[in-house]
Amino acid sequence: MPTWSTFIWAFLVGGAICAVGQILMDSTRMTPGHVMSILVVAGAVADGLGLYDPLIKFAGAGATVPITSFGNALVHGAMLEAQTHGWIGVITGIFEVTSAGISAAIVFAFLAAIFAKPKG
């Protein structure tokens, strides 16, 4: 059963990840797309170095909700499938782990396009 410290650490770690992204946007001329790419790559590198799983165990949703977890999922899936299927597993593992999130993004973007009024 989670304790209050679990929620506090999740809040602090998730907030720190988001604060890094906000600081990058405020202090540089980077667009949100650039910052998002940097955070995804940072999550991928952290997983490749074996640092992201301990962070998830420590912070829970504070590490799995921000965009860095997408990079983690990409590398994690690729590495798991590469162990069982070789080089082709690198490609299939990426899509196996992240396909639900990608599919949801496509469906919700389509629904938003149908029901939202465009500006201008």
PDB file of N, CA and C in Angstrom:
ATOM      1  N   MET A   1       0.846  -1.182   0.000  1.00  0.00           N
ATOM      2  CA  MET A   1       0.000   0.000   0.000  1.00  0.00           C
ATOM      3  C   MET A   1       0.894   1.249   0.000  1.00  0.00           C
ATOM      4  N   PRO A   2       0.607   2.184  -0.911  1.00  0.00           N
ATOM      5  CA  PRO A   2       1.453   3.384  -0.977  1.00  0.00           C
ATOM      6  C   PRO A   2       1.322   4.246   0.278  1.00  0.00           C
ATOM      7  N   THR A   3       2.423   4.862   0.624  1.00  0.00           N
ATOM      8  CA  THR A   3       2.427   5.790   1.741  1.00  0.00           C
ATOM      9  C   THR A   3       2.479   7.209   1.199  1.00  0.00           C
ATOM     10  N   TRP A   4       2.377   8.178   2.086  1.00  0.00           N
ATOM     11  CA  TRP A   4       2.440   9.571   1.660  1.00  0.00           C
ATOM     12  C   TRP A   4       3.765   9.904   1.014  1.00  0.00           C
ATOM     13  N   SER A   5       4.831   9.261   1.485  1.00  0.00           N
ATOM     14  CA  SER A   5       6.139   9.544   0.893  1.00  0.00           C
ATOM     15  C   SER A   5       6.193   9.110  -0.573  1.00  0.00           C
ATOM     16  N   THR A   6       5.458   8.065  -0.932  1.00  0.00           N
ATOM     17  CA  THR A   6       5.395   7.629  -2.327  1.00  0.00           C
ATOM     18  C   THR A   6       4.813   8.731  -3.202  1.00  0.00           C
ATOM     19  N   PHE A   7       3.734   9.339  -2.736  1.00  0.00           N
ATOM     20  CA  PHE A   7       3.097  10.406  -3.499  1.00  0.00           C
ATOM     21  C   PHE A   7       3.986  11.650  -3.566  1.00  0.00           C
ATOM     22  N   ILE A   8       4.648  11.939  -2.483  1.00  0.00           N
ATOM     23  CA  ILE A   8       5.520  13.120  -2.455  1.00  0.00           C
ATOM     24  C   ILE A   8       6.691  12.946  -3.415  1.00  0.00           C
ATOM     25  N   TRP A   9       7.330  11.762  -3.399  1.00  0.00           N
ATOM     26  CA  TRP A   9       8.450  11.532  -4.311  1.00  0.00           C
ATOM     27  C   TRP A   9       8.001  11.530  -5.764  1.00  0.00           C
ATOM     28  N   ALA A  10       6.824  10.962  -6.039  1.00  0.00           N
ATOM     29  CA  ALA A  10       6.298  10.981  -7.411  1.00  0.00           C
ATOM     30  C   ALA A  10       6.076  12.418  -7.868  1.00  0.00           C
ATOM     31  N   PHE A  11       5.514  13.232  -6.985  1.00  0.00           N
ATOM     32  CA  PHE A  11       5.277  14.643  -7.310  1.00  0.00           C
ATOM     33  C   PHE A  11       6.585  15.381  -7.553  1.00  0.00           C
ATOM     34  N   LEU A  12       7.572  15.163  -6.701  1.00  0.00           N
ATOM     35  CA  LEU A  12       8.842  15.873  -6.819  1.00  0.00           C
ATOM     36  C   LEU A  12       9.624  15.453  -8.071  1.00  0.00           C
ATOM     37  N   VAL A  13       9.674  14.158  -8.339  1.00  0.00           N
ATOM     38  CA  VAL A  13      10.422  13.681  -9.506  1.00  0.00           C
ATOM     39  C   VAL A  13       9.714  14.092 -10.800  1.00  0.00           C
ATOM     40  N   GLY A  14       8.410  13.884 -10.869  1.00  0.00           N
ATOM     41  CA  GLY A  14       7.666  14.311 -12.055  1.00  0.00           C
ATOM     42  C   GLY A  14       7.742  15.809 -12.265  1.00  0.00           C
ATOM     43  N   GLY A  15       7.649  16.561 -11.181  1.00  0.00           N
ATOM     44  CA  GLY A  15       7.762  18.011 -11.263  1.00  0.00           C
ATOM     45  C   GLY A  15       9.139  18.447 -11.711  1.00  0.00           C
ATOM     46  N   ALA A  16      10.169  17.740 -11.259  1.00  0.00           N
ATOM     47  CA  ALA A  16      11.539  18.088 -11.662  1.00  0.00           C
ATOM     48  C   ALA A  16      11.744  17.839 -13.152  1.00  0.00           C
ATOM     49  N   ILE A  17      11.212  16.732 -13.664  1.00  0.00           N
ATOM     50  CA  ILE A  17      11.324  16.454 -15.097  1.00  0.00           C
ATOM     51  C   ILE A  17      10.604  17.533 -15.903  1.00  0.00           C
ATOM     52  N   CYS A  18       9.420  17.891 -15.475  1.00  0.00           N
ATOM     53  CA  CYS A  18       8.667  18.933 -16.177  1.00  0.00           C
ATOM     54  C   CYS A  18       9.340  20.298 -16.039  1.00  0.00           C
ATOM     55  N   ALA A  19       9.927  20.560 -14.883  1.00  0.00           N
ATOM     56  CA  ALA A  19      10.621  21.837 -14.677  1.00  0.00           C
ATOM     57  C   ALA A  19      11.834  21.955 -15.593  1.00  0.00           C
ATOM     58  N   VAL A  20      12.533  20.852 -15.817  1.00  0.00           N
ATOM     59  CA  VAL A  20      13.664  20.877 -16.747  1.00  0.00           C
ATOM     60  C   VAL A  20      13.180  21.267 -18.140  1.00  0.00           C
ATOM     61  N   GLY A  21      12.076  20.677 -18.578  1.00  0.00           N
ATOM     62  CA  GLY A  21      11.522  21.037 -19.879  1.00  0.00           C
ATOM     63  C   GLY A  21      11.114  22.496 -19.947  1.00  0.00           C
ATOM     64  N   GLN A  22      10.486  22.991 -18.892  1.00  0.00           N
ATOM     65  CA  GLN A  22      10.056  24.391 -18.878  1.00  0.00           C
ATOM     66  C   GLN A  22      11.251  25.341 -18.864  1.00  0.00           C
ATOM     67  N   ILE A  23      12.279  24.999 -18.115  1.00  0.00           N
ATOM     68  CA  ILE A  23      13.484  25.836 -18.071  1.00  0.00           C
ATOM     69  C   ILE A  23      14.146  25.878 -19.446  1.00  0.00           C
ATOM     70  N   LEU A  24      14.185  24.735 -20.130  1.00  0.00           N
ATOM     71  CA  LEU A  24      14.753  24.709 -21.478  1.00  0.00           C
ATOM     72  C   LEU A  24      13.971  25.617 -22.424  1.00  0.00           C
ATOM     73  N   MET A  25      12.654  25.612 -22.315  1.00  0.00           N
ATOM     74  CA  MET A  25      11.858  26.467 -23.201  1.00  0.00           C
ATOM     75  C   MET A  25      11.996  27.941 -22.842  1.00  0.00           C
ATOM     76  N   ASP A  26      12.093  28.242 -21.554  1.00  0.00           N
ATOM     77  CA  ASP A  26      12.167  29.643 -21.122  1.00  0.00           C
ATOM     78  C   ASP A  26      13.546  30.265 -21.321  1.00  0.00           C
ATOM     79  N   SER A  27      14.594  29.472 -21.171  1.00  0.00           N
ATOM     80  CA  SER A  27      15.938  30.046 -21.210  1.00  0.00           C
ATOM     81  C   SER A  27      16.631  29.902 -22.565  1.00  0.00           C
ATOM     82  N   THR A  28      16.049  29.169 -23.488  1.00  0.00           N
ATOM     83  CA  THR A  28      16.622  29.017 -24.822  1.00  0.00           C
ATOM     84  C   THR A  28      15.559  29.373 -25.856  1.00  0.00           C
ATOM     85  N   ARG A  29      15.927  29.283 -27.091  1.00  0.00           N
ATOM     86  CA  ARG A  29      14.976  29.559 -28.172  1.00  0.00           C
ATOM     87  C   ARG A  29      14.388  28.268 -28.728  1.00  0.00           C
ATOM     88  N   MET A  30      14.430  27.215 -27.922  1.00  0.00           N
ATOM     89  CA  MET A  30      13.910  25.925 -28.372  1.00  0.00           C
ATOM     90  C   MET A  30      12.387  25.950 -28.405  1.00  0.00           C
ATOM     91  N   THR A  31      11.835  25.263 -29.391  1.00  0.00           N
ATOM     92  CA  THR A  31      10.388  25.117 -29.479  1.00  0.00           C
ATOM     93  C   THR A  31       9.960  23.948 -28.591  1.00  0.00           C
ATOM     94  N   PRO A  32       8.673  23.835 -28.289  1.00  0.00           N
ATOM     95  CA  PRO A  32       8.216  22.683 -27.506  1.00  0.00           C
ATOM     96  C   PRO A  32       8.566  21.341 -28.163  1.00  0.00           C
ATOM     97  N   GLY A  33       8.572  21.299 -29.483  1.00  0.00           N
ATOM     98  CA  GLY A  33       8.952  20.067 -30.170  1.00  0.00           C
ATOM     99  C   GLY A  33      10.401  19.680 -29.925  1.00  0.00           C
ATOM    100  N   HIS A  34      11.288  20.677 -29.900  1.00  0.00           N
ATOM    101  CA  HIS A  34      12.691  20.399 -29.606  1.00  0.00           C
ATOM    102  C   HIS A  34      12.861  19.888 -28.176  1.00  0.00           C
ATOM    103  N   VAL A  35      12.187  20.529 -27.252  1.00  0.00           N
ATOM    104  CA  VAL A  35      12.297  20.127 -25.844  1.00  0.00           C
ATOM    105  C   VAL A  35      11.724  18.731 -25.647  1.00  0.00           C
ATOM    106  N   MET A  36      10.608  18.444 -26.304  1.00  0.00           N
ATOM    107  CA  MET A  36      10.018  17.114 -26.201  1.00  0.00           C
ATOM    108  C   MET A  36      10.987  16.058 -26.729  1.00  0.00           C
ATOM    109  N   SER A  37      11.623  16.350 -27.850  1.00  0.00           N
ATOM    110  CA  SER A  37      12.597  15.405 -28.416  1.00  0.00           C
ATOM    111  C   SER A  37      13.768  15.179 -27.469  1.00  0.00           C
ATOM    112  N   ILE A  38      14.240  16.247 -26.855  1.00  0.00           N
ATOM    113  CA  ILE A  38      15.345  16.125 -25.898  1.00  0.00           C
ATOM    114  C   ILE A  38      14.942  15.257 -24.715  1.00  0.00           C
ATOM    115  N   LEU A  39      13.743  15.452 -24.206  1.00  0.00           N
ATOM    116  CA  LEU A  39      13.291  14.664 -23.056  1.00  0.00           C
ATOM    117  C   LEU A  39      13.089  13.195 -23.424  1.00  0.00           C
ATOM    118  N   VAL A  40      12.583  12.916 -24.625  1.00  0.00           N
ATOM    119  CA  VAL A  40      12.430  11.525 -25.070  1.00  0.00           C
ATOM    120  C   VAL A  40      13.799  10.864 -25.196  1.00  0.00           C
ATOM    121  N   VAL A  41      14.747  11.560 -25.808  1.00  0.00           N
ATOM    122  CA  VAL A  41      16.097  11.006 -25.949  1.00  0.00           C
ATOM    123  C   VAL A  41      16.751  10.824 -24.580  1.00  0.00           C
ATOM    124  N   ALA A  42      16.532  11.761 -23.671  1.00  0.00           N
ATOM    125  CA  ALA A  42      17.092  11.611 -22.318  1.00  0.00           C
ATOM    126  C   ALA A  42      16.532  10.377 -21.630  1.00  0.00           C
ATOM    127  N   GLY A  43      15.243  10.132 -21.784  1.00  0.00           N
ATOM    128  CA  GLY A  43      14.648   8.919 -21.215  1.00  0.00           C
ATOM    129  C   GLY A  43      15.199   7.657 -21.855  1.00  0.00           C
ATOM    130  N   ALA A  44      15.429   7.715 -23.170  1.00  0.00           N
ATOM    131  CA  ALA A  44      15.987   6.561 -23.870  1.00  0.00           C
ATOM    132  C   ALA A  44      17.422   6.282 -23.412  1.00  0.00           C
ATOM    133  N   VAL A  45      18.218   7.325 -23.290  1.00  0.00           N
ATOM    134  CA  VAL A  45      19.602   7.159 -22.840  1.00  0.00           C
ATOM    135  C   VAL A  45      19.633   6.651 -21.400  1.00  0.00           C
ATOM    136  N   ALA A  46      18.770   7.200 -20.555  1.00  0.00           N
ATOM    137  CA  ALA A  46      18.727   6.751 -19.157  1.00  0.00           C
ATOM    138  C   ALA A  46      18.351   5.275 -19.075  1.00  0.00           C
ATOM    139  N   ASP A  47      17.423   4.817 -19.921  1.00  0.00           N
ATOM    140  CA  ASP A  47      17.074   3.403 -19.908  1.00  0.00           C
ATOM    141  C   ASP A  47      18.214   2.560 -20.460  1.00  0.00           C
ATOM    142  N   GLY A  48      18.870   3.047 -21.508  1.00  0.00           N
ATOM    143  CA  GLY A  48      20.002   2.316 -22.057  1.00  0.00           C
ATOM    144  C   GLY A  48      21.130   2.134 -21.054  1.00  0.00           C
ATOM    145  N   LEU A  49      21.290   3.097 -20.174  1.00  0.00           N
ATOM    146  CA  LEU A  49      22.315   3.016 -19.126  1.00  0.00           C
ATOM    147  C   LEU A  49      21.820   2.285 -17.876  1.00  0.00           C
ATOM    148  N   GLY A  50      20.563   1.857 -17.884  1.00  0.00           N
ATOM    149  CA  GLY A  50      20.008   1.140 -16.736  1.00  0.00           C
ATOM    150  C   GLY A  50      19.606   2.024 -15.580  1.00  0.00           C
ATOM    151  N   LEU A  51      19.376   3.313 -15.845  1.00  0.00           N
ATOM    152  CA  LEU A  51      19.032   4.248 -14.776  1.00  0.00           C
ATOM    153  C   LEU A  51      17.533   4.512 -14.647  1.00  0.00           C
ATOM    154  N   TYR A  52      16.762   4.245 -15.685  1.00  0.00           N
ATOM    155  CA  TYR A  52      15.356   4.633 -15.636  1.00  0.00           C
ATOM    156  C   TYR A  52      14.497   3.669 -14.825  1.00  0.00           C
ATOM    157  N   ASP A  53      14.774   2.378 -14.886  1.00  0.00           N
ATOM    158  CA  ASP A  53      13.982   1.427 -14.093  1.00  0.00           C
ATOM    159  C   ASP A  53      14.098   1.674 -12.590  1.00  0.00           C
ATOM    160  N   PRO A  54      15.306   1.931 -12.050  1.00  0.00           N
ATOM    161  CA  PRO A  54      15.360   2.286 -10.626  1.00  0.00           C
ATOM    162  C   PRO A  54      14.597   3.577 -10.311  1.00  0.00           C
ATOM    163  N   LEU A  55      14.602   4.532 -11.249  1.00  0.00           N
ATOM    164  CA  LEU A  55      13.840   5.759 -11.046  1.00  0.00           C
ATOM    165  C   LEU A  55      12.342   5.472 -10.994  1.00  0.00           C
ATOM    166  N   ILE A  56      11.872   4.561 -11.847  1.00  0.00           N
ATOM    167  CA  ILE A  56      10.458   4.179 -11.834  1.00  0.00           C
ATOM    168  C   ILE A  56      10.114   3.486 -10.512  1.00  0.00           C
ATOM    169  N   LYS A  57      10.985   2.619 -10.044  1.00  0.00           N
ATOM    170  CA  LYS A  57      10.730   1.943  -8.764  1.00  0.00           C
ATOM    171  C   LYS A  57      10.693   2.937  -7.606  1.00  0.00           C
ATOM    172  N   PHE A  58      11.508   3.975  -7.701  1.00  0.00           N
ATOM    173  CA  PHE A  58      11.571   4.972  -6.640  1.00  0.00           C
ATOM    174  C   PHE A  58      10.408   5.958  -6.715  1.00  0.00           C
ATOM    175  N   ALA A  59      10.125   6.491  -7.904  1.00  0.00           N
ATOM    176  CA  ALA A  59       9.163   7.585  -8.031  1.00  0.00           C
ATOM    177  C   ALA A  59       7.812   7.163  -8.597  1.00  0.00           C
ATOM    178  N   GLY A  60       7.673   5.956  -9.079  1.00  0.00           N
ATOM    179  CA  GLY A  60       6.395   5.494  -9.607  1.00  0.00           C
ATOM    180  C   GLY A  60       5.899   6.353 -10.755  1.00  0.00           C
ATOM    181  N   ALA A  61       4.683   6.887 -10.608  1.00  0.00           N
ATOM    182  CA  ALA A  61       4.068   7.696 -11.663  1.00  0.00           C
ATOM    183  C   ALA A  61       4.842   8.976 -11.945  1.00  0.00           C
ATOM    184  N   GLY A  62       5.640   9.427 -11.010  1.00  0.00           N
ATOM    185  CA  GLY A  62       6.462  10.605 -11.253  1.00  0.00           C
ATOM    186  C   GLY A  62       7.472  10.387 -12.362  1.00  0.00           C
ATOM    187  N   ALA A  63       7.813   9.127 -12.620  1.00  0.00           N
ATOM    188  CA  ALA A  63       8.748   8.806 -13.697  1.00  0.00           C
ATOM    189  C   ALA A  63       8.061   8.203 -14.909  1.00  0.00           C
ATOM    190  N   THR A  64       6.860   7.646 -14.744  1.00  0.00           N
ATOM    191  CA  THR A  64       6.192   6.994 -15.876  1.00  0.00           C
ATOM    192  C   THR A  64       5.255   7.918 -16.637  1.00  0.00           C
ATOM    193  N   VAL A  65       4.817   9.008 -16.042  1.00  0.00           N
ATOM    194  CA  VAL A  65       3.880   9.909 -16.709  1.00  0.00           C
ATOM    195  C   VAL A  65       4.558  10.907 -17.653  1.00  0.00           C
ATOM    196  N   PRO A  66       5.678  11.541 -17.287  1.00  0.00           N
ATOM    197  CA  PRO A  66       6.297  12.513 -18.202  1.00  0.00           C
ATOM    198  C   PRO A  66       6.756  11.861 -19.515  1.00  0.00           C
ATOM    199  N   ILE A  67       7.033  12.687 -20.502  1.00  0.00           N
ATOM    200  CA  ILE A  67       7.391  12.219 -21.845  1.00  0.00           C
ATOM    201  C   ILE A  67       8.685  11.416 -21.854  1.00  0.00           C
ATOM    202  N   THR A  68       9.506  11.549 -20.834  1.00  0.00           N
ATOM    203  CA  THR A  68      10.744  10.772 -20.788  1.00  0.00           C
ATOM    204  C   THR A  68      10.471   9.278 -20.753  1.00  0.00           C
ATOM    205  N   SER A  69       9.316   8.891 -20.237  1.00  0.00           N
ATOM    206  CA  SER A  69       8.992   7.463 -20.176  1.00  0.00           C
ATOM    207  C   SER A  69       8.735   6.881 -21.560  1.00  0.00           C
ATOM    208  N   PHE A  70       8.396   7.723 -22.547  1.00  0.00           N
ATOM    209  CA  PHE A  70       8.225   7.222 -23.907  1.00  0.00           C
ATOM    210  C   PHE A  70       9.572   6.768 -24.464  1.00  0.00           C
ATOM    211  N   GLY A  71      10.615   7.543 -24.219  1.00  0.00           N
ATOM    212  CA  GLY A  71      11.956   7.124 -24.622  1.00  0.00           C
ATOM    213  C   GLY A  71      12.374   5.857 -23.904  1.00  0.00           C
ATOM    214  N   ASN A  72      12.025   5.770 -22.632  1.00  0.00           N
ATOM    215  CA  ASN A  72      12.294   4.570 -21.852  1.00  0.00           C
ATOM    216  C   ASN A  72      11.603   3.370 -22.476  1.00  0.00           C
ATOM    217  N   ALA A  73      10.335   3.526 -22.852  1.00  0.00           N
ATOM    218  CA  ALA A  73       9.569   2.418 -23.435  1.00  0.00           C
ATOM    219  C   ALA A  73      10.152   1.985 -24.779  1.00  0.00           C
ATOM    220  N   LEU A  74      10.592   2.943 -25.583  1.00  0.00           N
ATOM    221  CA  LEU A  74      11.180   2.604 -26.876  1.00  0.00           C
ATOM    222  C   LEU A  74      12.422   1.733 -26.712  1.00  0.00           C
ATOM    223  N   VAL A  75      13.330   2.163 -25.866  1.00  0.00           N
ATOM    224  CA  VAL A  75      14.581   1.427 -25.686  1.00  0.00           C
ATOM    225  C   VAL A  75      14.334   0.117 -24.956  1.00  0.00           C
ATOM    226  N   HIS A  76      13.457   0.153 -23.965  1.00  0.00           N
ATOM    227  CA  HIS A  76      13.178  -1.055 -23.187  1.00  0.00           C
ATOM    228  C   HIS A  76      12.614  -2.155 -24.085  1.00  0.00           C
ATOM    229  N   GLY A  77      11.641  -1.791 -24.921  1.00  0.00           N
ATOM    230  CA  GLY A  77      11.050  -2.766 -25.838  1.00  0.00           C
ATOM    231  C   GLY A  77      12.055  -3.277 -26.851  1.00  0.00           C
ATOM    232  N   ALA A  78      12.869  -2.388 -27.382  1.00  0.00           N
ATOM    233  CA  ALA A  78      13.873  -2.789 -28.371  1.00  0.00           C
ATOM    234  C   ALA A  78      14.894  -3.745 -27.758  1.00  0.00           C
ATOM    235  N   MET A  79      15.328  -3.460 -26.547  1.00  0.00           N
ATOM    236  CA  MET A  79      16.336  -4.311 -25.914  1.00  0.00           C
ATOM    237  C   MET A  79      15.771  -5.689 -25.555  1.00  0.00           C
ATOM    238  N   LEU A  80      14.525  -5.728 -25.079  1.00  0.00           N
ATOM    239  CA  LEU A  80      13.924  -7.018 -24.735  1.00  0.00           C
ATOM    240  C   LEU A  80      13.739  -7.901 -25.963  1.00  0.00           C
ATOM    241  N   GLU A  81      13.225  -7.326 -27.037  1.00  0.00           N
ATOM    242  CA  GLU A  81      13.002  -8.112 -28.244  1.00  0.00           C
ATOM    243  C   GLU A  81      14.313  -8.462 -28.946  1.00  0.00           C
ATOM    244  N   ALA A  82      15.313  -7.625 -28.832  1.00  0.00           N
ATOM    245  CA  ALA A  82      16.615  -7.920 -29.438  1.00  0.00           C
ATOM    246  C   ALA A  82      17.245  -9.153 -28.797  1.00  0.00           C
ATOM    247  N   GLN A  83      16.986  -9.366 -27.517  1.00  0.00           N
ATOM    248  CA  GLN A  83      17.536 -10.535 -26.835  1.00  0.00           C
ATOM    249  C   GLN A  83      16.920 -11.827 -27.348  1.00  0.00           C
ATOM    250  N   THR A  84      15.642 -11.776 -27.732  1.00  0.00           N
ATOM    251  CA  THR A  84      14.984 -13.008 -28.174  1.00  0.00           C
ATOM    252  C   THR A  84      14.977 -13.182 -29.693  1.00  0.00           C
ATOM    253  N   HIS A  85      14.896 -12.080 -30.454  1.00  0.00           N
ATOM    254  CA  HIS A  85      14.760 -12.192 -31.905  1.00  0.00           C
ATOM    255  C   HIS A  85      15.914 -11.581 -32.685  1.00  0.00           C
ATOM    256  N   GLY A  86      16.930 -11.100 -32.035  1.00  0.00           N
ATOM    257  CA  GLY A  86      18.068 -10.514 -32.731  1.00  0.00           C
ATOM    258  C   GLY A  86      17.770  -9.107 -33.230  1.00  0.00           C
ATOM    259  N   TRP A  87      18.423  -8.736 -34.332  1.00  0.00           N
ATOM    260  CA  TRP A  87      18.315  -7.368 -34.845  1.00  0.00           C
ATOM    261  C   TRP A  87      16.900  -7.005 -35.274  1.00  0.00           C
ATOM    262  N   ILE A  88      16.147  -7.939 -35.812  1.00  0.00           N
ATOM    263  CA  ILE A  88      14.770  -7.622 -36.212  1.00  0.00           C
ATOM    264  C   ILE A  88      13.918  -7.309 -34.985  1.00  0.00           C
ATOM    265  N   GLY A  89      14.294  -7.858 -33.853  1.00  0.00           N
ATOM    266  CA  GLY A  89      13.586  -7.583 -32.605  1.00  0.00           C
ATOM    267  C   GLY A  89      13.712  -6.148 -32.152  1.00  0.00           C
ATOM    268  N   VAL A  90      14.783  -5.479 -32.564  1.00  0.00           N
ATOM    269  CA  VAL A  90      14.950  -4.068 -32.211  1.00  0.00           C
ATOM    270  C   VAL A  90      13.792  -3.262 -32.803  1.00  0.00           C
ATOM    271  N   ILE A  91      13.463  -3.532 -34.051  1.00  0.00           N
ATOM    272  CA  ILE A  91      12.386  -2.788 -34.714  1.00  0.00           C
ATOM    273  C   ILE A  91      11.020  -3.215 -34.187  1.00  0.00           C
ATOM    274  N   THR A  92      10.794  -4.511 -34.085  1.00  0.00           N
ATOM    275  CA  THR A  92       9.482  -4.973 -33.631  1.00  0.00           C
ATOM    276  C   THR A  92       9.242  -4.646 -32.166  1.00  0.00           C
ATOM    277  N   GLY A  93      10.291  -4.636 -31.364  1.00  0.00           N
ATOM    278  CA  GLY A  93      10.137  -4.338 -29.939  1.00  0.00           C
ATOM    279  C   GLY A  93       9.700  -2.911 -29.688  1.00  0.00           C
ATOM    280  N   ILE A  94      10.185  -1.990 -30.516  1.00  0.00           N
ATOM    281  CA  ILE A  94       9.785  -0.588 -30.377  1.00  0.00           C
ATOM    282  C   ILE A  94       8.285  -0.454 -30.560  1.00  0.00           C
ATOM    283  N   PHE A  95       7.752  -1.101 -31.590  1.00  0.00           N
ATOM    284  CA  PHE A  95       6.324  -0.975 -31.882  1.00  0.00           C
ATOM    285  C   PHE A  95       5.459  -1.804 -30.954  1.00  0.00           C
ATOM    286  N   GLU A  96       5.986  -2.916 -30.467  1.00  0.00           N
ATOM    287  CA  GLU A  96       5.204  -3.776 -29.576  1.00  0.00           C
ATOM    288  C   GLU A  96       4.883  -3.072 -28.264  1.00  0.00           C
ATOM    289  N   VAL A  97       5.848  -2.369 -27.728  1.00  0.00           N
ATOM    290  CA  VAL A  97       5.663  -1.727 -26.427  1.00  0.00           C
ATOM    291  C   VAL A  97       4.884  -0.414 -26.540  1.00  0.00           C
ATOM    292  N   THR A  98       5.101   0.335 -27.605  1.00  0.00           N
ATOM    293  CA  THR A  98       4.517   1.679 -27.700  1.00  0.00           C
ATOM    294  C   THR A  98       3.293   1.762 -28.603  1.00  0.00           C
ATOM    295  N   SER A  99       2.860   0.652 -29.179  1.00  0.00           N
ATOM    296  CA  SER A  99       1.760   0.715 -30.151  1.00  0.00           C
ATOM    297  C   SER A  99       0.451   1.211 -29.539  1.00  0.00           C
ATOM    298  N   ALA A 100       0.168   0.881 -28.302  1.00  0.00           N
ATOM    299  CA  ALA A 100      -1.079   1.343 -27.683  1.00  0.00           C
ATOM    300  C   ALA A 100      -1.089   2.859 -27.543  1.00  0.00           C
ATOM    301  N   GLY A 101       0.010   3.439 -27.110  1.00  0.00           N
ATOM    302  CA  GLY A 101       0.082   4.889 -26.963  1.00  0.00           C
ATOM    303  C   GLY A 101       0.020   5.607 -28.296  1.00  0.00           C
ATOM    304  N   ILE A 102       0.711   5.069 -29.293  1.00  0.00           N
ATOM    305  CA  ILE A 102       0.682   5.679 -30.621  1.00  0.00           C
ATOM    306  C   ILE A 102      -0.707   5.582 -31.220  1.00  0.00           C
ATOM    307  N   SER A 103      -1.352   4.418 -31.086  1.00  0.00           N
ATOM    308  CA  SER A 103      -2.707   4.246 -31.614  1.00  0.00           C
ATOM    309  C   SER A 103      -3.693   5.189 -30.936  1.00  0.00           C
ATOM    310  N   ALA A 104      -3.584   5.336 -29.624  1.00  0.00           N
ATOM    311  CA  ALA A 104      -4.474   6.248 -28.908  1.00  0.00           C
ATOM    312  C   ALA A 104      -4.272   7.683 -29.368  1.00  0.00           C
ATOM    313  N   ALA A 105      -3.036   8.086 -29.586  1.00  0.00           N
ATOM    314  CA  ALA A 105      -2.762   9.446 -30.062  1.00  0.00           C
ATOM    315  C   ALA A 105      -3.389   9.684 -31.429  1.00  0.00           C
ATOM    316  N   ILE A 106      -3.318   8.699 -32.312  1.00  0.00           N
ATOM    317  CA  ILE A 106      -3.907   8.841 -33.646  1.00  0.00           C
ATOM    318  C   ILE A 106      -5.428   8.929 -33.558  1.00  0.00           C
ATOM    319  N   VAL A 107      -6.040   8.057 -32.773  1.00  0.00           N
ATOM    320  CA  VAL A 107      -7.507   8.051 -32.647  1.00  0.00           C
ATOM    321  C   VAL A 107      -8.007   9.355 -32.039  1.00  0.00           C
ATOM    322  N   PHE A 108      -7.376   9.818 -30.961  1.00  0.00           N
ATOM    323  CA  PHE A 108      -7.845  11.046 -30.321  1.00  0.00           C
ATOM    324  C   PHE A 108      -7.576  12.278 -31.175  1.00  0.00           C
ATOM    325  N   ALA A 109      -6.494  12.273 -31.930  1.00  0.00           N
ATOM    326  CA  ALA A 109      -6.245  13.389 -32.851  1.00  0.00           C
ATOM    327  C   ALA A 109      -7.300  13.412 -33.947  1.00  0.00           C
ATOM    328  N   PHE A 110      -7.694  12.249 -34.428  1.00  0.00           N
ATOM    329  CA  PHE A 110      -8.743  12.164 -35.443  1.00  0.00           C
ATOM    330  C   PHE A 110     -10.074  12.672 -34.889  1.00  0.00           C
ATOM    331  N   LEU A 111     -10.422  12.242 -33.672  1.00  0.00           N
ATOM    332  CA  LEU A 111     -11.669  12.698 -33.058  1.00  0.00           C
ATOM    333  C   LEU A 111     -11.652  14.205 -32.803  1.00  0.00           C
ATOM    334  N   ALA A 112     -10.515  14.723 -32.368  1.00  0.00           N
ATOM    335  CA  ALA A 112     -10.408  16.164 -32.155  1.00  0.00           C
ATOM    336  C   ALA A 112     -10.577  16.915 -33.458  1.00  0.00           C
ATOM    337  N   ALA A 113     -10.052  16.369 -34.542  1.00  0.00           N
ATOM    338  CA  ALA A 113     -10.188  17.015 -35.850  1.00  0.00           C
ATOM    339  C   ALA A 113     -11.628  17.020 -36.327  1.00  0.00           C
ATOM    340  N   ILE A 114     -12.379  16.002 -35.957  1.00  0.00           N
ATOM    341  CA  ILE A 114     -13.783  15.927 -36.378  1.00  0.00           C
ATOM    342  C   ILE A 114     -14.643  16.912 -35.574  1.00  0.00           C
ATOM    343  N   PHE A 115     -14.451  16.948 -34.262  1.00  0.00           N
ATOM    344  CA  PHE A 115     -15.357  17.690 -33.409  1.00  0.00           C
ATOM    345  C   PHE A 115     -14.919  19.123 -33.070  1.00  0.00           C
ATOM    346  N   ALA A 116     -13.664  19.454 -33.278  1.00  0.00           N
ATOM    347  CA  ALA A 116     -13.182  20.791 -32.920  1.00  0.00           C
ATOM    348  C   ALA A 116     -13.317  21.731 -34.115  1.00  0.00           C
ATOM    349  N   LYS A 117     -13.624  22.974 -33.813  1.00  0.00           N
ATOM    350  CA  LYS A 117     -13.696  23.988 -34.856  1.00  0.00           C
ATOM    351  C   LYS A 117     -12.297  24.581 -35.040  1.00  0.00           C
ATOM    352  N   PRO A 118     -11.792  24.581 -36.270  1.00  0.00           N
ATOM    353  CA  PRO A 118     -10.472  25.187 -36.469  1.00  0.00           C
ATOM    354  C   PRO A 118     -10.528  26.695 -36.330  1.00  0.00           C
ATOM    355  N   LYS A 119      -9.444  27.260 -35.870  1.00  0.00           N
ATOM    356  CA  LYS A 119      -9.363  28.722 -35.766  1.00  0.00           C
ATOM    357  C   LYS A 119      -8.888  29.273 -37.095  1.00  0.00           C
ATOM    358  N   GLY A 120      -9.472  30.421 -37.486  1.00  0.00           N
ATOM    359  CA  GLY A 120      -8.999  31.122 -38.665  1.00  0.00           C
ATOM    360  C   GLY A 120      -9.566  30.713 -39.956  1.00  0.00           C
TER     361      GLY A 120
END
